[in-house]
Amino acid sequence: MVQIGYTLMCEQTPARQLVDDAVTAERIGFDYAVISDHYFPWVEEQGHSPYAWSVLGATAQATEDLPLMTYVTCPTMRYHPAVVAQKAATMGVLTHGRFTLGLGSGENLNEHVIGEGWPPADTRHRMFREAIEIIRELFDGDYVTYQGEFYDIDSAKLYDLPDAPVPIGVAASGRTSASIAADFADALIINEVLPDVVDQFAAAGGVGKPVYGQLAVSYDTDAQAAKERAHRLWRWSAAGWKVMAELPAPVNIAAYAEYVRPDDIAASVPCGADVDAVVAAVRKYVDAGYSHVALVQIGHDQQQPFFGWAERELLPALRAL
């Protein structure tokens, strides 16, 4: 049975509400929750971007059994991998083992803030591989000294570790990142339905490991209002990863999205209150080999109506998958 998660979307939601939403998601029966880790929103209209790790700490205490996961954290520039390892280990302790560290190679949008520029994709992949190696070593609990192409570690050690190492999920969008995931990850993360990447991950050694995906929805009893909201807050998604990873600021993403039409977004985002449309969209992930799908409701002011609909109609229908 596919696991249905809920997305705590930092780019569109105030910090306190994110914690409250996680509590509600647990209460109504979502299987897990993921949280984005951004410095900026994708577009200015989203209007928020609190520090995900502070929200995670609060959420760990406000929830009881809900598994939590970063979706995703970049461990290469804005955060040093040794610091990511410490944060993740602490979350593993605070949650009694219900935390998964989701990692990705990042976007210019969030990483440029440290003033080091934005490397080309092949360099980012080498940095990413090295960072995961460091995190894995630190999770073993011993002293780590490391001299790599990008990172040096001088006698680092984590003193607070959960009983079992924090599982690591790795985001992938093509063959190179799928290979990195197969080498290091306990789970694969892919936002879109990309069966080729799932197959590449399996062929490289990831057979039998969980595969996480994400589906945006725009619930509203007024389908036209849902469509308009999806376009206003989600038009950035039409760019695709190769564009989204490179643009440096919300204003640049908005410039790209100027000619994205509401119908373009509605083609990939179920809009309205049609349960069957969401079920059909999730089924595409299941058929492609995904074991987990996290839903993200577009618009922070629509979370409570969405939760009511999900509890009454949507989650029962998705359980049939």
Protein backbone atom coordinates (compact mmCIF):
# COMPACT_ATOMS: atom_id res chain seq x y z
CA MET A 1 0.00 0.00 0.00
CA VAL A 2 1.33 3.45 -0.89
CA GLN A 3 2.09 5.71 2.06
CA ILE A 4 0.42 9.13 1.82
CA GLY A 5 2.34 12.03 3.33
CA TYR A 6 1.67 15.70 3.98
CA THR A 7 4.04 18.48 2.96
CA LEU A 8 4.91 21.28 5.37
CA MET A 9 5.68 23.90 2.73
CA CYS A 10 7.94 26.51 4.31
CA GLU A 11 7.83 28.76 1.25
CA GLN A 12 4.13 29.52 1.71
CA THR A 13 3.37 29.06 5.41
CA PRO A 14 4.18 30.93 8.66
CA ALA A 15 6.33 29.01 11.14
CA ARG A 16 3.71 28.54 13.88
CA GLN A 17 1.14 27.32 11.38
CA LEU A 18 3.56 24.71 10.05
CA VAL A 19 3.70 23.14 13.50
CA ASP A 20 -0.07 23.27 13.90
CA ASP A 21 -0.54 21.75 10.44
CA ALA A 22 1.76 18.86 11.32
CA VAL A 23 -0.34 18.14 14.40
CA THR A 24 -3.51 18.14 12.30
CA ALA A 25 -1.93 15.94 9.62
CA GLU A 26 -1.07 13.38 12.27
CA ARG A 27 -4.53 13.53 13.82
CA ILE A 28 -6.43 12.93 10.59
CA GLY A 29 -4.25 10.04 9.47
CA PHE A 30 -1.47 11.10 7.13
CA ASP A 31 1.29 8.50 7.23
CA TYR A 32 4.22 10.92 7.45
CA ALA A 33 5.17 14.56 6.92
CA VAL A 34 7.95 16.16 4.90
CA ILE A 35 9.25 19.71 5.20
CA SER A 36 10.94 21.91 2.61
CA ASP A 37 14.17 23.71 3.56
CA HIS A 38 14.43 27.06 1.76
CA TYR A 39 15.98 30.47 2.33
CA PHE A 40 13.62 32.10 -0.18
CA PRO A 41 10.11 31.36 -1.41
CA TRP A 42 9.91 30.41 -5.09
CA VAL A 43 7.86 33.52 -5.89
CA GLU A 44 7.16 36.59 -3.77
CA GLU A 45 3.44 35.82 -3.57
CA GLN A 46 4.18 32.76 -1.44
CA GLY A 47 5.52 35.17 1.14
CA HIS A 48 7.27 32.97 3.72
CA SER A 49 10.40 30.94 4.38
CA PRO A 50 11.04 30.18 8.07
CA TYR A 51 14.04 28.13 9.15
CA ALA A 52 12.99 24.54 8.62
CA TRP A 53 15.17 23.06 11.38
CA SER A 54 13.61 25.25 14.08
CA VAL A 55 10.19 24.22 12.84
CA LEU A 56 11.27 20.57 12.91
CA GLY A 57 12.37 20.82 16.54
CA ALA A 58 9.00 22.27 17.53
CA THR A 59 7.15 19.71 15.42
CA ALA A 60 9.05 16.85 17.02
CA GLN A 61 7.63 17.88 20.39
CA ALA A 62 4.13 18.70 19.15
CA THR A 63 3.58 15.35 17.40
CA GLU A 64 3.71 11.83 18.82
CA ASP A 65 4.19 9.20 16.14
CA LEU A 66 4.27 11.08 12.82
CA PRO A 67 7.44 10.28 10.84
CA LEU A 68 9.24 13.46 9.72
CA MET A 69 11.58 14.08 6.82
CA THR A 70 13.45 16.98 5.23
CA TYR A 71 12.37 17.34 1.61
CA VAL A 72 15.11 18.31 1.04
CA THR A 73 18.17 19.82 2.72
CA CYS A 74 21.24 20.81 0.71
CA PRO A 75 24.42 19.84 2.64
CA THR A 76 27.00 21.51 0.39
CA MET A 77 27.01 25.32 0.67
CA ARG A 78 24.55 27.08 2.98
CA TYR A 79 25.12 24.25 5.46
CA HIS A 80 28.39 22.41 6.01
CA PRO A 81 27.88 18.63 5.94
CA ALA A 82 29.23 18.24 9.49
CA VAL A 83 26.57 20.67 10.73
CA VAL A 84 23.84 18.86 8.80
CA ALA A 85 24.93 15.60 10.40
CA GLN A 86 24.65 17.13 13.88
CA LYS A 87 21.22 18.62 13.18
CA ALA A 88 19.91 15.36 11.77
CA ALA A 89 21.28 13.26 14.62
CA THR A 90 19.64 15.59 17.14
CA MET A 91 16.33 15.27 15.29
CA GLY A 92 16.73 11.51 15.40
CA VAL A 93 17.03 11.71 19.19
CA LEU A 94 14.16 14.18 19.64
CA THR A 95 11.79 12.09 17.53
CA HIS A 96 12.78 8.71 19.00
CA GLY A 97 13.88 7.55 15.57
CA ARG A 98 11.07 8.87 13.38
CA PHE A 99 13.20 11.31 11.40
CA THR A 100 14.65 10.78 7.91
CA LEU A 101 17.27 13.12 6.48
CA GLY A 102 16.28 13.97 2.91
CA LEU A 103 19.20 15.48 0.98
CA GLY A 104 19.49 17.18 -2.40
CA SER A 105 22.13 19.04 -4.39
CA GLY A 106 20.29 22.34 -3.96
CA GLU A 107 19.23 25.39 -5.94
CA ASN A 108 20.92 28.69 -6.65
CA LEU A 109 17.84 30.34 -5.14
CA ASN A 110 18.84 29.24 -1.63
CA GLU A 111 22.58 28.65 -1.75
CA HIS A 112 23.78 31.90 -3.35
CA VAL A 113 23.13 33.80 -0.10
CA ILE A 114 26.56 32.85 1.31
CA GLY A 115 28.26 34.71 -1.56
CA GLU A 116 30.28 31.83 -2.98
CA GLY A 117 28.65 31.70 -6.42
CA TRP A 118 26.77 28.77 -7.93
CA PRO A 119 28.87 25.90 -9.31
CA PRO A 120 28.01 23.97 -12.50
CA ALA A 121 26.00 20.77 -12.15
CA ASP A 122 28.93 18.35 -12.41
CA THR A 123 30.75 20.17 -9.59
CA ARG A 124 27.61 20.18 -7.49
CA HIS A 125 27.28 16.44 -7.90
CA ARG A 126 30.86 15.88 -6.73
CA MET A 127 30.26 18.16 -3.76
CA PHE A 128 27.04 16.32 -2.97
CA ARG A 129 28.68 12.89 -3.04
CA GLU A 130 31.47 14.08 -0.74
CA ALA A 131 29.01 15.68 1.69
CA ILE A 132 26.98 12.49 2.01
CA GLU A 133 30.15 10.48 2.65
CA ILE A 134 30.98 12.81 5.55
CA ILE A 135 27.46 12.63 7.00
CA ARG A 136 27.46 8.84 6.80
CA GLU A 137 30.81 8.64 8.59
CA LEU A 138 29.69 10.99 11.36
CA PHE A 139 26.52 8.96 11.89
CA ASP A 140 28.75 6.03 12.90
CA GLY A 141 29.64 7.92 16.07
CA ASP A 142 33.44 7.87 15.80
CA TYR A 143 35.88 10.73 15.34
CA VAL A 144 36.05 11.75 11.70
CA THR A 145 38.98 13.45 10.01
CA TYR A 146 38.46 13.98 6.32
CA GLN A 147 40.35 15.72 3.53
CA GLY A 148 38.42 15.90 0.30
CA GLU A 149 38.19 17.93 -2.86
CA PHE A 150 35.69 20.33 -1.29
CA TYR A 151 35.51 19.68 2.46
CA ASP A 152 37.96 19.16 5.28
CA ILE A 153 36.92 17.73 8.65
CA ASP A 154 39.19 18.00 11.67
CA SER A 155 38.42 15.46 14.41
CA ALA A 156 34.63 15.84 14.34
CA LYS A 157 32.40 13.62 16.46
CA LEU A 158 28.68 13.52 17.20
CA TYR A 159 27.94 12.93 20.88
CA ASP A 160 24.14 12.75 20.71
CA LEU A 161 23.01 9.99 18.36
CA PRO A 162 19.74 8.08 18.10
CA ASP A 163 19.71 4.36 18.81
CA ALA A 164 19.84 3.62 15.07
CA PRO A 165 21.48 5.84 12.43
CA VAL A 166 19.17 8.39 10.84
CA PRO A 167 18.00 7.06 7.45
CA ILE A 168 19.10 9.14 4.46
CA GLY A 169 16.98 9.89 1.42
CA VAL A 170 18.65 11.34 -1.66
CA ALA A 171 16.90 13.42 -4.31
CA ALA A 172 17.54 12.54 -7.94
CA SER A 173 16.42 13.82 -11.31
CA GLY A 174 18.73 11.94 -13.71
CA ARG A 175 21.27 9.17 -14.09
CA THR A 176 24.12 10.83 -12.14
CA SER A 177 22.05 11.70 -9.10
CA ALA A 178 20.30 8.31 -9.24
CA SER A 179 23.74 6.70 -9.05
CA ILE A 180 24.65 8.80 -6.01
CA ALA A 181 21.37 7.79 -4.39
CA ALA A 182 21.99 4.11 -5.07
CA ASP A 183 25.46 4.35 -3.50
CA PHE A 184 24.49 6.18 -0.31
CA ALA A 185 20.74 6.41 0.24
CA ASP A 186 18.23 4.40 2.21
CA ALA A 187 15.51 5.93 0.00
CA LEU A 188 15.13 7.74 -3.31
CA ILE A 189 13.37 11.11 -3.59
CA ILE A 190 11.90 12.37 -6.88
CA ASN A 191 9.28 15.10 -7.03
CA GLU A 192 7.88 14.19 -10.43
CA VAL A 193 6.77 10.92 -11.99
CA LEU A 194 10.07 9.82 -13.52
CA PRO A 195 10.00 6.04 -14.01
CA ASP A 196 13.34 6.10 -15.86
CA VAL A 197 15.07 7.52 -12.78
CA VAL A 198 13.39 4.92 -10.57
CA ASP A 199 14.69 2.23 -12.93
CA GLN A 200 18.19 3.75 -12.96
CA PHE A 201 18.21 3.80 -9.17
CA ALA A 202 17.14 0.16 -9.04
CA ALA A 203 19.71 -0.89 -11.65
CA ALA A 204 22.49 0.86 -9.70
CA GLY A 205 21.68 -1.02 -6.50
CA GLY A 206 18.54 0.56 -5.08
CA VAL A 207 16.16 -2.37 -5.58
CA GLY A 208 13.65 -2.66 -2.76
CA LYS A 209 14.35 0.73 -1.21
CA PRO A 210 11.52 3.25 -0.69
CA VAL A 211 10.84 5.82 -3.41
CA TYR A 212 9.33 9.16 -2.35
CA GLY A 213 7.37 11.51 -4.60
CA GLN A 214 5.35 14.68 -4.15
CA LEU A 215 2.08 15.87 -5.68
CA ALA A 216 0.75 19.43 -5.48
CA VAL A 217 -3.01 19.84 -5.23
CA SER A 218 -5.21 22.93 -5.04
CA TYR A 219 -8.33 22.01 -3.13
CA ASP A 220 -11.30 24.36 -3.18
CA THR A 221 -15.04 23.88 -3.58
CA ASP A 222 -14.73 26.54 -6.29
CA ALA A 223 -12.68 24.88 -9.02
CA GLN A 224 -11.93 28.15 -10.79
CA ALA A 225 -10.65 29.72 -7.56
CA ALA A 226 -8.48 26.65 -7.04
CA LYS A 227 -7.06 27.00 -10.53
CA GLU A 228 -6.33 30.70 -10.10
CA ARG A 229 -4.59 30.08 -6.76
CA ALA A 230 -2.51 27.29 -8.25
CA HIS A 231 -1.37 29.59 -11.04
CA ARG A 232 -0.57 32.50 -8.71
CA LEU A 233 1.42 30.47 -6.18
CA TRP A 234 2.68 27.50 -8.21
CA ARG A 235 3.48 28.88 -11.66
CA TRP A 236 7.20 28.54 -10.90
CA SER A 237 6.91 24.74 -11.11
CA ALA A 238 6.43 24.82 -14.89
CA ALA A 239 10.13 25.60 -15.31
CA GLY A 240 11.34 22.10 -14.52
CA TRP A 241 14.36 21.25 -12.44
CA LYS A 242 17.09 22.27 -14.89
CA VAL A 243 15.74 25.83 -14.85
CA MET A 244 14.58 25.99 -11.23
CA ALA A 245 18.00 24.95 -9.91
CA GLU A 246 19.79 27.75 -11.74
CA LEU A 247 17.71 30.91 -11.18
CA PRO A 248 18.97 33.05 -8.28
CA ALA A 249 15.91 34.86 -6.91
CA PRO A 250 12.11 34.91 -6.82
CA VAL A 251 12.10 37.84 -9.25
CA ASN A 252 13.97 35.75 -11.83
CA ILE A 253 11.58 32.85 -11.41
CA ALA A 254 8.63 35.22 -11.77
CA ALA A 255 10.14 36.57 -14.99
CA TYR A 256 10.41 33.05 -16.39
CA ALA A 257 6.82 32.28 -15.34
CA GLU A 258 5.31 35.42 -16.86
CA TYR A 259 3.96 33.47 -19.82
CA VAL A 260 2.87 30.37 -17.89
CA ARG A 261 -0.90 30.08 -18.20
CA PRO A 262 -3.37 28.79 -15.57
CA ASP A 263 -4.12 25.84 -17.85
CA ASP A 264 -0.42 24.95 -17.90
CA ILE A 265 -0.40 24.53 -14.13
CA ALA A 266 -3.80 22.84 -13.98
CA ALA A 267 -2.48 20.19 -16.35
CA SER A 268 -0.26 18.82 -13.57
CA VAL A 269 -2.02 20.08 -10.42
CA PRO A 270 -5.48 18.69 -9.56
CA CYS A 271 -7.64 21.76 -8.91
CA GLY A 272 -10.99 21.74 -7.13
CA ALA A 273 -12.67 19.04 -5.06
CA ASP A 274 -12.44 16.07 -7.43
CA VAL A 275 -11.19 13.11 -5.38
CA ASP A 276 -10.91 10.93 -8.46
CA ALA A 277 -8.48 13.41 -10.07
CA VAL A 278 -6.12 13.21 -7.10
CA VAL A 279 -6.39 9.44 -6.92
CA ALA A 280 -5.57 9.19 -10.64
CA ALA A 281 -2.56 11.47 -10.18
CA VAL A 282 -1.26 9.44 -7.23
CA ARG A 283 -1.81 6.22 -9.17
CA LYS A 284 0.73 7.41 -11.75
CA TYR A 285 3.35 7.49 -9.00
CA VAL A 286 2.36 4.06 -7.74
CA ASP A 287 2.49 2.58 -11.24
CA ALA A 288 5.98 4.06 -11.68
CA GLY A 289 7.26 2.29 -8.57
CA TYR A 290 6.88 4.95 -5.88
CA SER A 291 6.12 3.73 -2.36
CA HIS A 292 5.44 7.16 -0.79
CA VAL A 293 3.63 10.23 -2.13
CA ALA A 294 3.43 13.48 -0.14
CA LEU A 295 0.60 15.86 -0.94
CA VAL A 296 1.14 19.61 -0.79
CA GLN A 297 -1.93 21.83 -0.62
CA ILE A 298 -1.31 25.12 -2.42
CA GLY A 299 -2.02 28.19 -0.27
CA HIS A 300 -1.42 28.41 3.47
CA ASP A 301 -4.89 29.84 4.09
CA GLN A 302 -6.49 26.74 2.54
CA GLN A 303 -4.90 24.13 4.80
CA GLN A 304 -7.85 23.70 7.17
CA PRO A 305 -10.44 23.25 4.39
CA PHE A 306 -8.01 20.82 2.75
CA PHE A 307 -7.62 18.83 5.97
CA GLY A 308 -11.38 18.53 6.34
CA TRP A 309 -11.73 17.26 2.77
CA ALA A 310 -8.77 14.92 3.15
CA GLU A 311 -10.16 13.36 6.32
CA ARG A 312 -13.69 12.93 4.95
CA GLU A 313 -13.05 11.91 1.37
CA LEU A 314 -9.51 11.97 0.01
CA LEU A 315 -7.54 9.78 2.43
CA PRO A 316 -10.16 7.00 2.47
CA ALA A 317 -10.08 6.95 -1.36
CA LEU A 318 -6.28 6.89 -1.47
CA ARG A 319 -6.16 3.99 0.95
CA ALA A 320 -7.68 1.87 -1.79
CA LEU A 321 -4.43 2.22 -3.74
